[in-house]
Amino acid sequence: MKLRLLTALAVMTAACCFSCRAHLRLPDGFQPDGGWSMLGGNSGHTGFYSGQLHLPLELLWQFRARGPIVSSPVVMGGAVCFGSLDKRFYLLSVMDGQLQGSLKLKSSISSSPAMAGQTVYFGTEFGDDTIYAVDLDTGDMRWKAEIGDISASLTLARQMVFVSSGSGSFHALSAEDGSELWWFQTGGRVNSPAAVDGEMVYLGSDDGFLYALKAESGREVWRRQLAGAIWWSPVAHEGCVYVGSFEGKVYALRGEQGEVMWSYQGEGGLSGSPAMGNGRVYVGFDDGKLCALDATSGRLKWCFTVENAIPSSPLTSYELVIFGASDGTLYALDGETGELRWSYHAGRAIVSSPVAWQGQIFVGSMDGYMYAFGEGAEDSSAIK
C-alpha cells in the first residue's frame, strides 16, 4: 500500500475556464435530499429500494440521448443525471423527462455518477480520464481531477469520492476540493467501484484479490484471493461482503476478517454486480440466469432464465427484483418465488442498472433512450 497526501492529481477549481451555467439547470422545486445517489443506491451498492413499487408499470416518458447509455442514472430531488457514450452528460426533469441541459465532454461516459446535495460527480474515459464535480445550483465546476483509465462508477461516502483506475490504482479524493487524500495500488486492473460500509472500503481487482482498506487512511486490513478476476462491484451490507468473480463464483465474506462464509458456483460467468434484498442475494449470469441465493447460507432459492446474458445489476425492493438483459427487456420478478410479474421490451440491450425513486423506475438502454416507468402518466404527451 502506498500513501501520499494532496499530490499528483491535477486539481482544477471553478476559476478554470469551465462553466456549465448556461448548460445545466436544476428542475423547479429541486430538494437535495433522499433519492438514488449512486450506483446501487448507497455506498454499499446493495441495490435495495425501500419504497413501494406498484405493478403493472407504465411508460411515463422516454428521452433520447445521442448515443448508447450504459451508465446507470442518479435520481435526486426531481433531477435525473446520467452520462452516455455520445460524450455528453445529461440532466433531465423527473416529472416529464424534459432536458434541463447537457455538457459536451472530450470522452464517453460509461460509469455511473454520484450526487450529494447540489453537487454531481462523474468521470470520463478513453483519453480524458477526468473526474468532474459540478455545482448544479450555480452551474459552475467546483473542481476536476485527472486520473488515468477510468471506467468504474464512483462511490461517495464519508465526504470522499472513491475512484478506481484501470492502471490498478485506487484513489480517495476530497469531495470538497478534489485533493487526493490517499491511494492504494493493487496487482491488476481495477474495473469496478468499491463498496463502503462504515469505516471499511472493499475493493476487487483483476489480480483475483478482494481488498479491505480503512476508509480514512487507505491502510490495508486484509486481502482474500478468490477464484478469478473481480470485474464487478462488491456489495457491503451489515458487516458482510458479497462479491462475484469473472468465472461465475459468488462469495460471502465477513467484513472484519475476510473469512469466507459460503460460495456458490453459477453455470455461467458473472455478468454484473449482485444486489441484496430481504435476506437474499440476487445475481445475473451470462448464461441468462438470474438467481436468488440465501444471504446466510448461499443456498439456491430459485433461478429465472432469459435468452441472453444479464449485464444489468438488479434493483430489489420488499417484493420485487428488477433487471435488464441483453435481449433488450426489462424484467420484474417476484422476489420470493422468481415468478415473472411484468416486462417491457426496449429497442436494444439493457446494460444500465435500473434505479428507483418515489415509486418510479429509471433505466437506460443501448438504443440511446432513458426510460421512466411508474403507475401511469396523467398526460400522454409526456411520452416523447
Protein backbone atom coordinates (compact mmCIF):
# COMPACT_ATOMS: atom_id res chain seq x y z
CA MET A 1 0.00 0.00 0.00
CA LYS A 2 1.31 3.40 -0.94
CA LEU A 3 0.11 6.57 0.71
CA ARG A 4 0.51 10.13 -0.42
CA LEU A 5 -1.31 13.30 0.56
CA LEU A 6 -2.53 16.09 -1.68
CA THR A 7 -0.27 15.21 -4.62
CA ALA A 8 -0.12 14.02 -8.22
CA LEU A 9 -3.69 14.89 -9.29
CA ALA A 10 -4.21 17.90 -11.48
CA VAL A 11 -6.94 19.52 -9.40
CA MET A 12 -8.66 22.49 -11.00
CA THR A 13 -11.11 24.85 -9.28
CA ALA A 14 -14.13 26.74 -10.51
CA ALA A 15 -11.80 29.58 -11.56
CA CYS A 16 -10.77 27.47 -14.56
CA CYS A 17 -12.19 28.07 -17.98
CA PHE A 18 -15.14 25.73 -17.49
CA SER A 19 -18.67 26.73 -16.66
CA CYS A 20 -21.90 24.91 -17.31
CA ARG A 21 -24.04 27.81 -16.06
CA ALA A 22 -25.66 28.07 -19.46
CA HIS A 23 -25.83 24.31 -19.97
CA LEU A 24 -27.37 22.76 -16.85
CA ARG A 25 -30.24 23.96 -14.68
CA LEU A 26 -32.00 22.29 -11.78
CA PRO A 27 -35.71 21.47 -12.17
CA ASP A 28 -38.16 23.73 -10.35
CA GLY A 29 -38.70 22.66 -6.76
CA PHE A 30 -35.45 20.70 -6.53
CA GLN A 31 -34.80 19.42 -3.00
CA PRO A 32 -31.31 17.95 -2.37
CA ASP A 33 -32.36 15.10 -0.11
CA GLY A 34 -33.18 11.41 -0.44
CA GLY A 35 -33.11 9.76 -3.82
CA TRP A 36 -30.84 7.26 -5.55
CA SER A 37 -27.48 8.96 -5.14
CA MET A 38 -25.03 6.49 -6.76
CA LEU A 39 -24.70 3.01 -8.26
CA GLY A 40 -26.72 0.59 -6.14
CA GLY A 41 -28.43 3.47 -4.32
CA ASN A 42 -25.89 3.70 -1.50
CA SER A 43 -22.18 3.34 -0.75
CA GLY A 44 -22.62 -0.39 -0.08
CA HIS A 45 -24.17 -0.80 -3.58
CA THR A 46 -26.94 -3.04 -2.23
CA GLY A 47 -29.39 -2.08 -4.98
CA PHE A 48 -32.28 -2.06 -2.47
CA TYR A 49 -35.22 0.35 -2.70
CA SER A 50 -37.32 0.66 0.47
CA GLY A 51 -40.32 2.35 -1.16
CA GLN A 52 -43.35 0.86 -2.84
CA LEU A 53 -43.41 -0.26 -6.49
CA HIS A 54 -46.84 -0.99 -7.97
CA LEU A 55 -47.33 -3.26 -10.96
CA PRO A 56 -48.09 -3.12 -13.76
CA LEU A 57 -45.70 -0.30 -14.58
CA GLU A 58 -46.44 2.07 -17.45
CA LEU A 59 -44.03 4.03 -19.59
CA LEU A 60 -44.20 7.62 -18.31
CA TRP A 61 -41.64 9.14 -20.65
CA GLN A 62 -38.55 8.39 -22.66
CA PHE A 63 -35.68 10.70 -23.53
CA ARG A 64 -33.32 10.04 -26.41
CA ALA A 65 -29.63 10.79 -25.98
CA ARG A 66 -27.29 10.99 -28.96
CA GLY A 67 -25.65 7.65 -28.22
CA PRO A 68 -25.99 4.42 -26.23
CA ILE A 69 -26.50 4.61 -22.46
CA VAL A 70 -24.66 2.07 -20.32
CA SER A 71 -24.34 4.36 -17.30
CA SER A 72 -26.95 3.97 -14.57
CA PRO A 73 -28.60 7.25 -13.60
CA VAL A 74 -28.76 9.01 -10.26
CA VAL A 75 -32.08 10.49 -9.21
CA MET A 76 -32.43 13.12 -6.52
CA GLY A 77 -34.90 15.88 -5.71
CA GLY A 78 -36.60 15.88 -9.11
CA ALA A 79 -33.43 15.59 -11.22
CA VAL A 80 -32.19 12.63 -13.29
CA CYS A 81 -28.45 12.69 -14.15
CA PHE A 82 -26.52 10.25 -16.37
CA GLY A 83 -23.75 10.03 -18.94
CA SER A 84 -23.72 8.50 -22.40
CA LEU A 85 -21.26 7.06 -24.89
CA ASP A 86 -22.04 10.15 -27.01
CA LYS A 87 -19.58 12.12 -24.81
CA ARG A 88 -22.35 14.03 -23.06
CA PHE A 89 -23.62 14.32 -19.52
CA TYR A 90 -27.38 14.91 -19.21
CA LEU A 91 -29.71 16.42 -16.63
CA LEU A 92 -33.45 15.75 -17.00
CA SER A 93 -36.59 16.54 -15.04
CA VAL A 94 -38.04 13.52 -13.23
CA MET A 95 -41.58 14.71 -13.87
CA ASP A 96 -41.61 14.70 -17.67
CA GLY A 97 -38.13 13.81 -18.91
CA GLN A 98 -37.57 17.32 -20.23
CA LEU A 99 -33.91 18.15 -20.85
CA GLN A 100 -32.59 20.58 -18.25
CA GLY A 101 -29.25 20.79 -20.01
CA SER A 102 -26.22 18.75 -21.08
CA LEU A 103 -22.44 19.04 -21.05
CA LYS A 104 -20.33 18.17 -24.07
CA LEU A 105 -17.10 16.46 -22.95
CA LYS A 106 -13.95 15.10 -24.55
CA SER A 107 -14.66 11.40 -23.93
CA SER A 108 -17.50 8.97 -23.45
CA ILE A 109 -19.12 8.15 -20.10
CA SER A 110 -19.85 4.54 -19.23
CA SER A 111 -19.67 4.80 -15.44
CA SER A 112 -22.44 5.94 -13.11
CA PRO A 113 -22.21 9.33 -11.39
CA ALA A 114 -22.70 10.11 -7.70
CA MET A 115 -24.59 13.01 -6.18
CA ALA A 116 -24.60 14.77 -2.82
CA GLY A 117 -26.68 17.86 -2.17
CA GLN A 118 -26.49 20.02 -5.28
CA THR A 119 -23.15 18.63 -6.47
CA VAL A 120 -22.85 15.83 -9.01
CA TYR A 121 -19.62 13.88 -9.54
CA PHE A 122 -18.88 11.91 -12.71
CA GLY A 123 -15.94 10.53 -14.65
CA THR A 124 -14.98 10.28 -18.31
CA GLU A 125 -12.82 7.66 -20.01
CA PHE A 126 -10.79 6.81 -23.15
CA GLY A 127 -8.40 9.74 -23.32
CA ASP A 128 -9.90 12.32 -20.99
CA ASP A 129 -9.95 10.18 -17.81
CA THR A 130 -11.13 13.03 -15.59
CA ILE A 131 -13.37 13.27 -12.53
CA TYR A 132 -15.65 16.32 -12.60
CA ALA A 133 -17.52 17.89 -9.68
CA VAL A 134 -20.29 20.24 -10.87
CA ASP A 135 -22.38 22.53 -8.68
CA LEU A 136 -25.87 22.26 -10.15
CA ASP A 137 -27.08 25.32 -8.23
CA THR A 138 -24.58 27.78 -9.71
CA GLY A 139 -23.76 25.83 -12.87
CA ASP A 140 -20.03 26.05 -12.16
CA MET A 141 -17.43 23.31 -11.98
CA ARG A 142 -16.21 23.02 -8.40
CA TRP A 143 -13.13 21.02 -9.37
CA LYS A 144 -11.75 18.38 -11.69
CA ALA A 145 -9.10 15.72 -11.14
CA GLU A 146 -7.23 13.74 -13.77
CA ILE A 147 -6.83 10.03 -13.09
CA GLY A 148 -5.81 7.56 -15.77
CA ASP A 149 -8.10 4.90 -17.25
CA ILE A 150 -11.44 5.47 -15.54
CA SER A 151 -14.30 3.13 -16.41
CA ALA A 152 -15.72 2.25 -12.99
CA SER A 153 -18.61 4.06 -11.32
CA LEU A 154 -17.90 6.46 -8.47
CA THR A 155 -18.59 5.76 -4.80
CA LEU A 156 -19.35 8.66 -2.49
CA ALA A 157 -19.02 8.23 1.29
CA ARG A 158 -17.57 9.99 4.34
CA GLN A 159 -17.19 13.21 2.30
CA MET A 160 -14.83 11.39 -0.05
CA VAL A 161 -15.07 10.32 -3.69
CA PHE A 162 -13.61 6.85 -4.28
CA VAL A 163 -12.24 6.27 -7.78
CA SER A 164 -10.99 3.03 -9.39
CA SER A 165 -8.44 3.05 -12.21
CA GLY A 166 -7.63 0.50 -14.89
CA SER A 167 -3.98 1.08 -14.05
CA GLY A 168 -4.58 -0.92 -10.86
CA SER A 169 -4.68 2.06 -8.53
CA PHE A 170 -7.49 3.17 -6.27
CA HIS A 171 -7.91 6.78 -5.14
CA ALA A 172 -9.70 8.61 -2.32
CA LEU A 173 -10.41 12.26 -3.15
CA SER A 174 -11.84 15.03 -1.03
CA ALA A 175 -15.43 15.65 -2.12
CA GLU A 176 -14.94 19.30 -1.22
CA ASP A 177 -11.98 20.22 -3.42
CA GLY A 178 -10.84 17.07 -5.26
CA SER A 179 -7.48 16.84 -3.50
CA GLU A 180 -6.05 13.35 -3.20
CA LEU A 181 -6.21 12.04 0.36
CA TRP A 182 -4.63 8.63 -0.28
CA TRP A 183 -4.16 5.98 -2.92
CA PHE A 184 -3.68 2.23 -3.00
CA GLN A 185 -2.06 0.02 -5.64
CA THR A 186 -3.38 -3.46 -6.49
CA GLY A 187 -1.73 -6.12 -8.64
CA GLY A 188 -4.18 -5.85 -11.55
CA ARG A 189 -6.70 -3.59 -13.28
CA VAL A 190 -9.46 -2.16 -11.11
CA ASN A 191 -12.57 -2.11 -13.29
CA SER A 192 -15.24 -1.96 -10.60
CA PRO A 193 -16.25 0.58 -7.95
CA ALA A 194 -15.52 -0.05 -4.30
CA ALA A 195 -18.19 -0.64 -1.66
CA VAL A 196 -18.04 1.31 1.60
CA ASP A 197 -19.56 0.09 4.85
CA GLY A 198 -18.83 2.17 7.92
CA GLU A 199 -15.06 2.56 8.27
CA MET A 200 -14.23 -0.10 5.68
CA VAL A 201 -13.71 0.03 1.91
CA TYR A 202 -13.97 -3.20 -0.11
CA LEU A 203 -12.26 -3.32 -3.48
CA GLY A 204 -11.92 -6.03 -6.13
CA SER A 205 -9.17 -6.32 -8.74
CA ASP A 206 -8.20 -8.28 -11.84
CA ASP A 207 -5.47 -9.88 -9.74
CA GLY A 208 -8.19 -12.01 -8.10
CA PHE A 209 -7.95 -10.39 -4.68
CA LEU A 210 -10.67 -8.72 -2.67
CA TYR A 211 -9.08 -5.97 -0.55
CA ALA A 212 -10.36 -4.43 2.68
CA LEU A 213 -8.99 -0.96 3.43
CA LYS A 214 -9.53 1.64 6.12
CA ALA A 215 -11.62 4.43 4.60
CA GLU A 216 -9.81 7.29 6.32
CA SER A 217 -6.23 6.21 5.62
CA GLY A 218 -6.22 3.56 2.89
CA ARG A 219 -4.43 1.15 5.22
CA GLU A 220 -4.87 -2.47 4.16
CA VAL A 221 -6.72 -4.53 6.76
CA TRP A 222 -6.85 -7.80 4.82
CA ARG A 223 -6.88 -9.28 1.35
CA ARG A 224 -8.51 -12.51 0.19
CA GLN A 225 -7.68 -14.32 -3.04
CA LEU A 226 -10.75 -15.62 -4.86
CA ALA A 227 -11.17 -17.83 -7.92
CA GLY A 228 -10.73 -15.42 -10.81
CA ALA A 229 -10.69 -11.73 -11.63
CA ILE A 230 -13.19 -9.43 -9.93
CA TRP A 231 -14.77 -7.13 -12.50
CA TRP A 232 -17.89 -6.02 -10.66
CA SER A 233 -18.63 -4.12 -7.50
CA PRO A 234 -18.73 -5.87 -4.15
CA VAL A 235 -21.88 -5.40 -2.08
CA ALA A 236 -21.37 -4.48 1.58
CA HIS A 237 -24.26 -4.97 3.99
CA GLU A 238 -24.44 -5.36 7.78
CA GLY A 239 -20.84 -6.45 8.24
CA CYS A 240 -20.76 -8.87 5.31
CA VAL A 241 -19.38 -8.54 1.78
CA TYR A 242 -20.84 -10.27 -1.28
CA VAL A 243 -18.82 -10.41 -4.48
CA GLY A 244 -18.61 -12.42 -7.68
CA SER A 245 -15.66 -13.42 -9.86
CA PHE A 246 -15.47 -13.39 -13.64
CA GLU A 247 -15.73 -17.19 -13.68
CA GLY A 248 -19.20 -17.04 -12.11
CA LYS A 249 -18.43 -17.84 -8.48
CA VAL A 250 -20.25 -15.79 -5.84
CA TYR A 251 -18.79 -15.35 -2.35
CA ALA A 252 -19.99 -14.11 1.02
CA LEU A 253 -17.25 -12.93 3.39
CA ARG A 254 -17.13 -11.47 6.87
CA GLY A 255 -16.23 -7.83 6.58
CA GLU A 256 -13.88 -7.62 9.57
CA GLN A 257 -11.61 -10.63 8.90
CA GLY A 258 -12.27 -11.57 5.26
CA GLU A 259 -13.32 -15.09 6.24
CA VAL A 260 -15.32 -16.83 3.50
CA MET A 261 -18.78 -17.76 4.83
CA TRP A 262 -20.01 -19.52 1.69
CA SER A 263 -19.59 -19.65 -2.07
CA TYR A 264 -21.86 -20.54 -4.98
CA GLN A 265 -20.70 -21.57 -8.45
CA GLY A 266 -23.02 -20.48 -11.26
CA GLU A 267 -23.33 -22.38 -14.52
CA GLY A 268 -22.22 -19.31 -16.49
CA GLY A 269 -19.79 -16.47 -15.96
CA LEU A 270 -20.85 -13.45 -13.96
CA SER A 271 -22.34 -10.58 -15.98
CA GLY A 272 -22.89 -7.85 -13.36
CA SER A 273 -22.76 -6.94 -9.69
CA PRO A 274 -25.03 -8.73 -7.21
CA ALA A 275 -27.79 -6.98 -5.24
CA MET A 276 -29.31 -7.52 -1.79
CA GLY A 277 -32.89 -7.65 -0.60
CA ASN A 278 -34.92 -9.40 2.10
CA GLY A 279 -32.18 -11.81 3.13
CA ARG A 280 -31.35 -12.82 -0.44
CA VAL A 281 -28.52 -12.13 -2.87
CA TYR A 282 -29.61 -11.72 -6.49
CA VAL A 283 -27.04 -12.17 -9.25
CA GLY A 284 -27.18 -12.40 -13.05
CA PHE A 285 -25.05 -14.72 -15.19
CA ASP A 286 -24.03 -14.67 -18.83
CA ASP A 287 -25.98 -17.90 -19.47
CA GLY A 288 -29.16 -15.86 -18.97
CA LYS A 289 -29.96 -16.96 -15.40
CA LEU A 290 -30.97 -14.54 -12.65
CA CYS A 291 -30.52 -16.47 -9.40
CA ALA A 292 -31.61 -15.80 -5.82
CA LEU A 293 -29.32 -17.10 -3.06
CA ASP A 294 -29.93 -17.18 0.67
CA ALA A 295 -27.67 -14.47 2.11
CA THR A 296 -26.83 -16.51 5.22
CA SER A 297 -26.15 -19.93 3.72
CA GLY A 298 -25.68 -19.35 -0.01
CA ARG A 299 -28.37 -21.94 -0.74
CA LEU A 300 -30.03 -21.52 -4.13
CA LYS A 301 -33.63 -20.34 -3.80
CA TRP A 302 -34.59 -20.10 -7.47
CA CYS A 303 -33.35 -19.14 -10.94
CA PHE A 304 -35.21 -17.32 -13.73
CA THR A 305 -33.87 -17.82 -17.26
CA VAL A 306 -33.87 -15.37 -20.18
CA GLU A 307 -32.42 -15.84 -23.66
CA ASN A 308 -29.29 -13.69 -23.27
CA ALA A 309 -26.73 -12.53 -20.72
CA ILE A 310 -27.75 -10.28 -17.81
CA PRO A 311 -25.21 -7.43 -17.64
CA SER A 312 -27.57 -5.17 -15.67
CA SER A 313 -27.23 -5.32 -11.89
CA PRO A 314 -30.61 -5.96 -10.23
CA LEU A 315 -32.81 -3.48 -8.39
CA THR A 316 -34.55 -5.02 -5.39
CA SER A 317 -37.48 -4.00 -3.20
CA TYR A 318 -39.52 -5.67 -0.47
CA GLU A 319 -41.45 -7.65 -3.09
CA LEU A 320 -39.69 -7.40 -6.45
CA VAL A 321 -36.38 -7.83 -8.23
CA ILE A 322 -36.00 -5.82 -11.46
CA PHE A 323 -33.20 -6.19 -14.01
CA GLY A 324 -32.35 -5.64 -17.65
CA ALA A 325 -30.91 -8.15 -20.11
CA SER A 326 -29.02 -8.26 -23.39
CA ASP A 327 -32.27 -9.22 -25.12
CA GLY A 328 -33.42 -5.61 -24.60
CA THR A 329 -36.04 -6.49 -21.98
CA LEU A 330 -36.58 -5.06 -18.51
CA TYR A 331 -37.97 -7.78 -16.21
CA ALA A 332 -39.77 -7.58 -12.86
CA LEU A 333 -39.90 -10.82 -10.86
CA ASP A 334 -41.47 -11.80 -7.57
CA GLY A 335 -38.50 -11.64 -5.19
CA GLU A 336 -39.72 -14.60 -3.15
CA THR A 337 -40.61 -17.05 -5.92
CA GLY A 338 -38.89 -15.78 -9.08
CA GLU A 339 -42.20 -15.65 -10.94
CA LEU A 340 -42.36 -13.17 -13.84
CA ARG A 341 -44.65 -10.27 -12.88
CA TRP A 342 -44.02 -7.70 -15.63
CA SER A 343 -41.71 -6.92 -18.55
CA TYR A 344 -41.00 -4.20 -21.10
CA HIS A 345 -39.01 -4.59 -24.31
CA ALA A 346 -36.70 -1.71 -25.26
CA GLY A 347 -35.00 -1.27 -28.60
CA ARG A 348 -31.62 -2.78 -27.69
CA ALA A 349 -29.68 -4.38 -24.84
CA ILE A 350 -30.06 -3.01 -21.32
CA VAL A 351 -26.66 -2.76 -19.65
CA SER A 352 -27.62 0.13 -17.37
CA SER A 353 -28.82 -0.94 -13.93
CA PRO A 354 -32.37 0.24 -13.09
CA VAL A 355 -32.89 2.68 -10.22
CA ALA A 356 -35.97 3.73 -8.22
CA TRP A 357 -37.28 6.98 -6.77
CA GLN A 358 -40.76 7.76 -5.39
CA GLY A 359 -42.33 4.70 -6.94
CA GLN A 360 -40.79 5.21 -10.37
CA ILE A 361 -38.16 3.17 -12.24
CA PHE A 362 -35.45 4.71 -14.45
CA VAL A 363 -33.15 2.78 -16.77
CA GLY A 364 -31.02 3.47 -19.84
CA SER A 365 -30.59 1.30 -22.92
CA MET A 366 -28.12 0.76 -25.73
CA ASP A 367 -30.82 2.19 -28.01
CA GLY A 368 -29.92 5.62 -26.59
CA TYR A 369 -33.10 6.12 -24.57
CA MET A 370 -33.53 6.82 -20.88
CA TYR A 371 -36.84 5.28 -19.82
CA ALA A 372 -39.09 6.20 -16.88
CA PHE A 373 -41.81 3.84 -15.63
CA GLY A 374 -44.46 4.32 -12.99
CA GLU A 375 -48.12 3.87 -12.15
CA GLY A 376 -49.26 5.96 -15.12
CA ALA A 377 -48.84 9.32 -16.79
CA GLU A 378 -51.55 11.93 -16.32
CA ASP A 379 -50.73 13.38 -19.73
CA SER A 380 -49.86 11.00 -22.55
CA SER A 381 -47.83 13.79 -24.18
CA ALA A 382 -45.16 13.09 -21.56
CA ILE A 383 -44.16 10.10 -23.68
CA LYS A 384 -41.96 11.52 -26.42
